[in-house]
Amino acid sequence: MYFYRLKDLREDRDLKQSDIADILGIEQTVYSRYERGYQTIPIKFLLELADFYKTSTDYLLGRTNEFKPYPKIK
């Protein structure tokens, strides 16, 4: 249930859906659908959000509770 994590991370940083939509270059209504689970988020946006929040895609997807991201590949 990745959409819960997306909302929690955004709210923890006192950001609005429109702030995240701007970062991704999409409309707020589209991002809202991702965050509510009405539409599957594309991988490219998932990767951008993982980088933005400094975490892993596995954390965003709920596959782990470890917030710390994996080491970058050199």
PDB file of N, CA and C in Angstrom:
ATOM      1  N   MET A   1       0.838  -1.186   0.000  1.00  0.00           N
ATOM      2  CA  MET A   1       0.000   0.000   0.000  1.00  0.00           C
ATOM      3  C   MET A   1       0.886   1.253   0.000  1.00  0.00           C
ATOM      4  N   TYR A   2       1.565   1.441  -1.115  1.00  0.00           N
ATOM      5  CA  TYR A   2       2.530   2.526  -1.220  1.00  0.00           C
ATOM      6  C   TYR A   2       1.902   3.903  -1.048  1.00  0.00           C
ATOM      7  N   PHE A   3       0.637   4.033  -1.397  1.00  0.00           N
ATOM      8  CA  PHE A   3       0.035   5.363  -1.353  1.00  0.00           C
ATOM      9  C   PHE A   3      -0.021   5.928   0.061  1.00  0.00           C
ATOM     10  N   TYR A   4      -0.102   5.071   1.077  1.00  0.00           N
ATOM     11  CA  TYR A   4      -0.051   5.565   2.458  1.00  0.00           C
ATOM     12  C   TYR A   4       1.311   6.187   2.755  1.00  0.00           C
ATOM     13  N   ARG A   5       2.359   5.540   2.275  1.00  0.00           N
ATOM     14  CA  ARG A   5       3.706   6.062   2.501  1.00  0.00           C
ATOM     15  C   ARG A   5       3.908   7.389   1.780  1.00  0.00           C
ATOM     16  N   LEU A   6       3.385   7.486   0.565  1.00  0.00           N
ATOM     17  CA  LEU A   6       3.527   8.741  -0.180  1.00  0.00           C
ATOM     18  C   LEU A   6       2.894   9.891   0.591  1.00  0.00           C
ATOM     19  N   LYS A   7       1.712   9.666   1.110  1.00  0.00           N
ATOM     20  CA  LYS A   7       1.008  10.712   1.856  1.00  0.00           C
ATOM     21  C   LYS A   7       1.736  11.044   3.152  1.00  0.00           C
ATOM     22  N   ASP A   8       2.161  10.025   3.889  1.00  0.00           N
ATOM     23  CA  ASP A   8       2.861  10.257   5.154  1.00  0.00           C
ATOM     24  C   ASP A   8       4.154  11.040   4.944  1.00  0.00           C
ATOM     25  N   LEU A   9       4.931  10.664   3.948  1.00  0.00           N
ATOM     26  CA  LEU A   9       6.194  11.368   3.685  1.00  0.00           C
ATOM     27  C   LEU A   9       5.937  12.824   3.308  1.00  0.00           C
ATOM     28  N   ARG A  10       4.943  13.045   2.488  1.00  0.00           N
ATOM     29  CA  ARG A  10       4.612  14.414   2.084  1.00  0.00           C
ATOM     30  C   ARG A  10       4.158  15.245   3.276  1.00  0.00           C
ATOM     31  N   GLU A  11       3.261  14.698   4.071  1.00  0.00           N
ATOM     32  CA  GLU A  11       2.741  15.433   5.228  1.00  0.00           C
ATOM     33  C   GLU A  11       3.806  15.657   6.289  1.00  0.00           C
ATOM     34  N   ASP A  12       4.717  14.700   6.459  1.00  0.00           N
ATOM     35  CA  ASP A  12       5.811  14.869   7.431  1.00  0.00           C
ATOM     36  C   ASP A  12       6.683  16.072   7.098  1.00  0.00           C
ATOM     37  N   ARG A  13       6.714  16.459   5.832  1.00  0.00           N
ATOM     38  CA  ARG A  13       7.523  17.590   5.382  1.00  0.00           C
ATOM     39  C   ARG A  13       6.686  18.841   5.151  1.00  0.00           C
ATOM     40  N   ASP A  14       5.432  18.797   5.601  1.00  0.00           N
ATOM     41  CA  ASP A  14       4.502  19.923   5.452  1.00  0.00           C
ATOM     42  C   ASP A  14       4.389  20.402   4.007  1.00  0.00           C
ATOM     43  N   LEU A  15       4.322  19.443   3.093  1.00  0.00           N
ATOM     44  CA  LEU A  15       4.169  19.756   1.673  1.00  0.00           C
ATOM     45  C   LEU A  15       2.741  19.483   1.231  1.00  0.00           C
ATOM     46  N   LYS A  16       2.314  20.190   0.197  1.00  0.00           N
ATOM     47  CA  LYS A  16       1.002  19.972  -0.400  1.00  0.00           C
ATOM     48  C   LYS A  16       1.159  19.034  -1.594  1.00  0.00           C
ATOM     49  N   GLN A  17       0.067  18.434  -1.997  1.00  0.00           N
ATOM     50  CA  GLN A  17       0.101  17.590  -3.188  1.00  0.00           C
ATOM     51  C   GLN A  17       0.602  18.369  -4.395  1.00  0.00           C
ATOM     52  N   SER A  18       0.246  19.630  -4.476  1.00  0.00           N
ATOM     53  CA  SER A  18       0.685  20.452  -5.608  1.00  0.00           C
ATOM     54  C   SER A  18       2.201  20.649  -5.595  1.00  0.00           C
ATOM     55  N   ASP A  19       2.816  20.670  -4.417  1.00  0.00           N
ATOM     56  CA  ASP A  19       4.278  20.787  -4.329  1.00  0.00           C
ATOM     57  C   ASP A  19       4.948  19.566  -4.958  1.00  0.00           C
ATOM     58  N   ILE A  20       4.455  18.387  -4.617  1.00  0.00           N
ATOM     59  CA  ILE A  20       5.036  17.153  -5.158  1.00  0.00           C
ATOM     60  C   ILE A  20       4.724  17.043  -6.651  1.00  0.00           C
ATOM     61  N   ALA A  21       3.529  17.432  -7.042  1.00  0.00           N
ATOM     62  CA  ALA A  21       3.171  17.402  -8.462  1.00  0.00           C
ATOM     63  C   ALA A  21       4.108  18.300  -9.269  1.00  0.00           C
ATOM     64  N   ASP A  22       4.453  19.462  -8.722  1.00  0.00           N
ATOM     65  CA  ASP A  22       5.395  20.360  -9.403  1.00  0.00           C
ATOM     66  C   ASP A  22       6.757  19.715  -9.566  1.00  0.00           C
ATOM     67  N   ILE A  23       7.213  19.025  -8.537  1.00  0.00           N
ATOM     68  CA  ILE A  23       8.507  18.336  -8.598  1.00  0.00           C
ATOM     69  C   ILE A  23       8.502  17.286  -9.701  1.00  0.00           C
ATOM     70  N   LEU A  24       7.388  16.578  -9.834  1.00  0.00           N
ATOM     71  CA  LEU A  24       7.269  15.522 -10.839  1.00  0.00           C
ATOM     72  C   LEU A  24       6.888  16.054 -12.221  1.00  0.00           C
ATOM     73  N   GLY A  25       6.461  17.313 -12.279  1.00  0.00           N
ATOM     74  CA  GLY A  25       6.062  17.903 -13.551  1.00  0.00           C
ATOM     75  C   GLY A  25       4.715  17.413 -14.045  1.00  0.00           C
ATOM     76  N   ILE A  26       3.803  17.179 -13.096  1.00  0.00           N
ATOM     77  CA  ILE A  26       2.461  16.701 -13.438  1.00  0.00           C
ATOM     78  C   ILE A  26       1.420  17.576 -12.742  1.00  0.00           C
ATOM     79  N   GLU A  27       0.170  17.362 -13.078  1.00  0.00           N
ATOM     80  CA  GLU A  27      -0.926  18.083 -12.433  1.00  0.00           C
ATOM     81  C   GLU A  27      -1.176  17.524 -11.030  1.00  0.00           C
ATOM     82  N   GLN A  28      -1.656  18.377 -10.148  1.00  0.00           N
ATOM     83  CA  GLN A  28      -1.962  17.964  -8.775  1.00  0.00           C
ATOM     84  C   GLN A  28      -3.015  16.869  -8.761  1.00  0.00           C
ATOM     85  N   THR A  29      -3.984  16.932  -9.665  1.00  0.00           N
ATOM     86  CA  THR A  29      -5.045  15.918  -9.692  1.00  0.00           C
ATOM     87  C   THR A  29      -4.494  14.535 -10.045  1.00  0.00           C
ATOM     88  N   VAL A  30      -3.491  14.500 -10.903  1.00  0.00           N
ATOM     89  CA  VAL A  30      -2.859  13.225 -11.257  1.00  0.00           C
ATOM     90  C   VAL A  30      -2.119  12.671 -10.047  1.00  0.00           C
ATOM     91  N   TYR A  31      -1.331  13.542  -9.378  1.00  0.00           N
ATOM     92  CA  TYR A  31      -0.610  13.074  -8.190  1.00  0.00           C
ATOM     93  C   TYR A  31      -1.596  12.606  -7.111  1.00  0.00           C
ATOM     94  N   SER A  32      -2.702  13.290  -6.972  1.00  0.00           N
ATOM     95  CA  SER A  32      -3.704  12.907  -5.988  1.00  0.00           C
ATOM     96  C   SER A  32      -4.190  11.482  -6.226  1.00  0.00           C
ATOM     97  N   ARG A  33      -4.350  11.105  -7.505  1.00  0.00           N
ATOM     98  CA  ARG A  33      -4.778   9.740  -7.825  1.00  0.00           C
ATOM     99  C   ARG A  33      -3.730   8.714  -7.390  1.00  0.00           C
ATOM    100  N   TYR A  34      -2.452   9.053  -7.533  1.00  0.00           N
ATOM    101  CA  TYR A  34      -1.390   8.145  -7.084  1.00  0.00           C
ATOM    102  C   TYR A  34      -1.450   7.981  -5.574  1.00  0.00           C
ATOM    103  N   GLU A  35      -1.590   9.106  -4.895  1.00  0.00           N
ATOM    104  CA  GLU A  35      -1.561   9.095  -3.426  1.00  0.00           C
ATOM    105  C   GLU A  35      -2.791   8.419  -2.822  1.00  0.00           C
ATOM    106  N   ARG A  36      -3.885   8.428  -3.516  1.00  0.00           N
ATOM    107  CA  ARG A  36      -5.107   7.778  -3.025  1.00  0.00           C
ATOM    108  C   ARG A  36      -5.242   6.344  -3.510  1.00  0.00           C
ATOM    109  N   GLY A  37      -4.297   5.909  -4.357  1.00  0.00           N
ATOM    110  CA  GLY A  37      -4.331   4.535  -4.837  1.00  0.00           C
ATOM    111  C   GLY A  37      -5.298   4.291  -5.971  1.00  0.00           C
ATOM    112  N   TYR A  38      -5.789   5.354  -6.603  1.00  0.00           N
ATOM    113  CA  TYR A  38      -6.711   5.205  -7.724  1.00  0.00           C
ATOM    114  C   TYR A  38      -5.995   4.924  -9.033  1.00  0.00           C
ATOM    115  N   GLN A  39      -4.711   5.242  -9.067  1.00  0.00           N
ATOM    116  CA  GLN A  39      -3.926   5.044 -10.272  1.00  0.00           C
ATOM    117  C   GLN A  39      -2.528   4.604  -9.848  1.00  0.00           C
ATOM    118  N   THR A  40      -1.946   3.677 -10.588  1.00  0.00           N
ATOM    119  CA  THR A  40      -0.604   3.193 -10.278  1.00  0.00           C
ATOM    120  C   THR A  40       0.429   4.240 -10.674  1.00  0.00           C
ATOM    121  N   ILE A  41       1.361   4.492  -9.783  1.00  0.00           N
ATOM    122  CA  ILE A  41       2.389   5.490 -10.060  1.00  0.00           C
ATOM    123  C   ILE A  41       3.441   4.905 -11.002  1.00  0.00           C
ATOM    124  N   PRO A  42       3.815   5.641 -12.044  1.00  0.00           N
ATOM    125  CA  PRO A  42       4.850   5.152 -12.953  1.00  0.00           C
ATOM    126  C   PRO A  42       6.205   5.010 -12.252  1.00  0.00           C
ATOM    127  N   ILE A  43       6.985   4.071 -12.722  1.00  0.00           N
ATOM    128  CA  ILE A  43       8.289   3.801 -12.115  1.00  0.00           C
ATOM    129  C   ILE A  43       9.162   5.044 -12.099  1.00  0.00           C
ATOM    130  N   LYS A  44       9.155   5.826 -13.183  1.00  0.00           N
ATOM    131  CA  LYS A  44      10.022   7.013 -13.225  1.00  0.00           C
ATOM    132  C   LYS A  44       9.674   7.988 -12.110  1.00  0.00           C
ATOM    133  N   PHE A  45       8.406   8.122 -11.757  1.00  0.00           N
ATOM    134  CA  PHE A  45       8.018   9.006 -10.655  1.00  0.00           C
ATOM    135  C   PHE A  45       8.379   8.389  -9.309  1.00  0.00           C
ATOM    136  N   LEU A  46       8.246   7.087  -9.203  1.00  0.00           N
ATOM    137  CA  LEU A  46       8.632   6.395  -7.981  1.00  0.00           C
ATOM    138  C   LEU A  46      10.120   6.608  -7.698  1.00  0.00           C
ATOM    139  N   LEU A  47      10.935   6.494  -8.740  1.00  0.00           N
ATOM    140  CA  LEU A  47      12.375   6.724  -8.591  1.00  0.00           C
ATOM    141  C   LEU A  47      12.674   8.168  -8.193  1.00  0.00           C
ATOM    142  N   GLU A  48      11.980   9.115  -8.824  1.00  0.00           N
ATOM    143  CA  GLU A  48      12.178  10.528  -8.484  1.00  0.00           C
ATOM    144  C   GLU A  48      11.801  10.805  -7.037  1.00  0.00           C
ATOM    145  N   LEU A  49      10.709  10.209  -6.574  1.00  0.00           N
ATOM    146  CA  LEU A  49      10.279  10.430  -5.191  1.00  0.00           C
ATOM    147  C   LEU A  49      11.241   9.778  -4.197  1.00  0.00           C
ATOM    148  N   ALA A  50      11.753   8.623  -4.527  1.00  0.00           N
ATOM    149  CA  ALA A  50      12.730   7.969  -3.647  1.00  0.00           C
ATOM    150  C   ALA A  50      13.960   8.859  -3.500  1.00  0.00           C
ATOM    151  N   ASP A  51      14.414   9.444  -4.600  1.00  0.00           N
ATOM    152  CA  ASP A  51      15.558  10.364  -4.534  1.00  0.00           C
ATOM    153  C   ASP A  51      15.198  11.625  -3.745  1.00  0.00           C
ATOM    154  N   PHE A  52      14.018  12.164  -3.992  1.00  0.00           N
ATOM    155  CA  PHE A  52      13.583  13.382  -3.302  1.00  0.00           C
ATOM    156  C   PHE A  52      13.507  13.168  -1.787  1.00  0.00           C
ATOM    157  N   TYR A  53      12.919  12.054  -1.378  1.00  0.00           N
ATOM    158  CA  TYR A  53      12.764  11.772   0.052  1.00  0.00           C
ATOM    159  C   TYR A  53      13.998  11.106   0.661  1.00  0.00           C
ATOM    160  N   LYS A  54      14.989  10.816  -0.180  1.00  0.00           N
ATOM    161  CA  LYS A  54      16.231  10.179   0.270  1.00  0.00           C
ATOM    162  C   LYS A  54      15.955   8.836   0.948  1.00  0.00           C
ATOM    163  N   THR A  55      15.204   8.010   0.239  1.00  0.00           N
ATOM    164  CA  THR A  55      14.875   6.677   0.715  1.00  0.00           C
ATOM    165  C   THR A  55      14.934   5.716  -0.467  1.00  0.00           C
ATOM    166  N   SER A  56      14.503   4.493  -0.255  1.00  0.00           N
ATOM    167  CA  SER A  56      14.521   3.501  -1.333  1.00  0.00           C
ATOM    168  C   SER A  56      13.113   3.314  -1.910  1.00  0.00           C
ATOM    169  N   THR A  57      13.061   2.795  -3.110  1.00  0.00           N
ATOM    170  CA  THR A  57      11.762   2.470  -3.692  1.00  0.00           C
ATOM    171  C   THR A  57      11.099   1.345  -2.899  1.00  0.00           C
ATOM    172  N   ASP A  58      11.900   0.455  -2.341  1.00  0.00           N
ATOM    173  CA  ASP A  58      11.322  -0.612  -1.512  1.00  0.00           C
ATOM    174  C   ASP A  58      10.591  -0.031  -0.305  1.00  0.00           C
ATOM    175  N   TYR A  59      11.138   1.026   0.284  1.00  0.00           N
ATOM    176  CA  TYR A  59      10.459   1.673   1.402  1.00  0.00           C
ATOM    177  C   TYR A  59       9.144   2.295   0.924  1.00  0.00           C
ATOM    178  N   LEU A  60       9.201   3.008  -0.198  1.00  0.00           N
ATOM    179  CA  LEU A  60       7.983   3.632  -0.724  1.00  0.00           C
ATOM    180  C   LEU A  60       6.912   2.605  -1.037  1.00  0.00           C
ATOM    181  N   LEU A  61       7.330   1.451  -1.529  1.00  0.00           N
ATOM    182  CA  LEU A  61       6.378   0.400  -1.903  1.00  0.00           C
ATOM    183  C   LEU A  61       5.920  -0.452  -0.721  1.00  0.00           C
ATOM    184  N   GLY A  62       6.489  -0.230   0.455  1.00  0.00           N
ATOM    185  CA  GLY A  62       6.093  -0.995   1.634  1.00  0.00           C
ATOM    186  C   GLY A  62       6.737  -2.361   1.722  1.00  0.00           C
ATOM    187  N   ARG A  63       7.816  -2.566   0.951  1.00  0.00           N
ATOM    188  CA  ARG A  63       8.513  -3.861   0.982  1.00  0.00           C
ATOM    189  C   ARG A  63       9.484  -3.955   2.150  1.00  0.00           C
ATOM    190  N   THR A  64       9.816  -2.807   2.749  1.00  0.00           N
ATOM    191  CA  THR A  64      10.681  -2.765   3.914  1.00  0.00           C
ATOM    192  C   THR A  64      10.269  -1.579   4.777  1.00  0.00           C
ATOM    193  N   ASN A  65      10.599  -1.648   6.047  1.00  0.00           N
ATOM    194  CA  ASN A  65      10.381  -0.517   6.948  1.00  0.00           C
ATOM    195  C   ASN A  65      11.668   0.254   7.183  1.00  0.00           C
ATOM    196  N   GLU A  66      12.737  -0.169   6.515  1.00  0.00           N
ATOM    197  CA  GLU A  66      14.033   0.502   6.618  1.00  0.00           C
ATOM    198  C   GLU A  66      14.016   1.741   5.725  1.00  0.00           C
ATOM    199  N   PHE A  67      14.046   2.916   6.348  1.00  0.00           N
ATOM    200  CA  PHE A  67      13.961   4.161   5.589  1.00  0.00           C
ATOM    201  C   PHE A  67      15.257   4.483   4.849  1.00  0.00           C
ATOM    202  N   LYS A  68      16.375   4.106   5.430  1.00  0.00           N
ATOM    203  CA  LYS A  68      17.681   4.428   4.840  1.00  0.00           C
ATOM    204  C   LYS A  68      17.794   3.827   3.439  1.00  0.00           C
ATOM    205  N   PRO A  69      18.203   4.643   2.464  1.00  0.00           N
ATOM    206  CA  PRO A  69      18.306   4.117   1.096  1.00  0.00           C
ATOM    207  C   PRO A  69      19.502   3.186   0.929  1.00  0.00           C
ATOM    208  N   TYR A  70      19.473   2.430  -0.157  1.00  0.00           N
ATOM    209  CA  TYR A  70      20.599   1.566  -0.496  1.00  0.00           C
ATOM    210  C   TYR A  70      21.754   2.434  -0.973  1.00  0.00           C
ATOM    211  N   PRO A  71      22.978   1.929  -0.865  1.00  0.00           N
ATOM    212  CA  PRO A  71      24.123   2.681  -1.429  1.00  0.00           C
ATOM    213  C   PRO A  71      23.963   2.806  -2.943  1.00  0.00           C
ATOM    214  N   LYS A  72      24.387   3.960  -3.474  1.00  0.00           N
ATOM    215  CA  LYS A  72      24.312   4.191  -4.923  1.00  0.00           C
ATOM    216  C   LYS A  72      25.342   3.323  -5.645  1.00  0.00           C
ATOM    217  N   ILE A  73      25.006   2.911  -6.852  1.00  0.00           N
ATOM    218  CA  ILE A  73      25.932   2.165  -7.699  1.00  0.00           C
ATOM    219  C   ILE A  73      26.892   3.171  -8.332  1.00  0.00           C
ATOM    220  N   LYS A  74      28.160   2.837  -8.306  1.00  0.00           N
ATOM    221  CA  LYS A  74      29.161   3.762  -8.852  1.00  0.00           C
ATOM    222  C   LYS A  74      29.507   3.440 -10.270  1.00  0.00           C
TER     223      LYS A  74
END
